[in-house]
């Protein structure tokens, strides 16, 4: 049975398994990697320390972790040799979201009890997460040798250990471990499908991402999406395009699963409390997620699939047209897609910006300028990218002062700390409130969105200051 808690609490569940003869080679190599383990002198807790610990456990069982922590700390002060109070502190700290402090508490546990399986597990995953692969190999190998993990814990342990072994060039051991991984994967999948709620699914997927096992996270989400309950299916469907984008996939796995689910169950994407959506809408949402993560070909395929099912949604035509403009330029087909978006909604600023840029690439600068002006006038907030495009149009037409003013407006907004923080907060909310997982930092996502326009603006304004042609300095203004 899986407890629907944070990963530092998942380690509480331990099922003993027998080690078969086929594991002897792997066991021997992991034991050699670990080396000698120190013997631990046993100290008997004093009565007062034990009493404080018991009271702490009682408060923790009632989810009163603040009170529990006070008693655990007092117990630790009364008996500095005991690991149990620190275990209690680690679990309660994780429960209230103090992850870093919880990890520090687990380190205290390991100092007092070097063979504590829970500490080895948590600290091994943490080491793999932060890139301390040597430590991860040592701790997780010790945990593997104990063979006391539940199927889901074994999945996380082995995924992190394989990644860490490969990172430290212990490829032979990683291969041996990988040979046994299929059975671990199947047992963990079965346990998750049978008992896991949304919280547990998200914890497991995130921990796999954190230890550089995103491909495993994608596989388990893909293979489980048709087998779980409706609410869990919703979150797995939401994570699929995110995981596929993070593994450089082409969108085909997401499309295939969405089509299968739509036929069997109907699509309910986990976006707040949103009701069921059509397959066309779901494919469009998936394309948006992949586009946010910097992918181009995959979202293009998904947008095209969405349009084939429902050909009258302006944002889908616009987003497809924009990505195709960036990739293919203003071909006849791309122009047709952009014009269709404009036909469906001729007043939307983001569509006007796309149409304007399409005309710029075609050499229709006067027409482009008017579209950029209309986009600026109709926008509820300043778009640095539209002002960047507006400046390009002005400069091309010889209106240099207007161009510089437009670029400076874009720069003043884009370079402001307030704008940056608002965007980063938005990406953080997207990751944790919509996707449920994070495959890139909010700062990295912000740079994906604004990096190109930021670099263009810097080059243009620097070129103007030096008396050079700013559009030549930025490859004729190409995106």
Foldseek 3Di string as FASTA:
>chain_A
DADLAFPLVRQVAWDADDDDPLCPVLLVVLCVLQDDDDDADDDDQDPQLVVLQVVLVVCVVVVNLVSSLVSLVVSCVRPVLDLSSLSSNLRSCVRVPVNVVSLVSLVSSCVNPVLPLSSLLVNLLVCLLVVVLSSNSNSLSSNVSRRTHQLLSVLLSLLLNLLSCVVVVVNVSSVSSVVPVVVSLVRNLVVCQVDNDQSVLLNSCQSCLSNVNLVSNLVSLLVRLVRHDDVNNQLSLLQNLVSCLLVVHQQPSSLVSLVVCCVPPAHDHPQPRDDGDDSLVSLQSSLVNSVLVPDQRNSLVSLVVSCVVPVQDLVSLLVNLQSCCQVPNLDVVSLVSLVSSCVNPVQALSSLQSNLVNCVSVVNLVSSLVSLVSSCVRDPDDDLVSLQSNLLSCVVVVNNVSSLVSLVVSCVQVVDPVNLVVQLVVVVCCACNRNNHDNDHSNVSSCSVCVVVNVLSVQQVVCVVVVHHSCVSVVNPRD
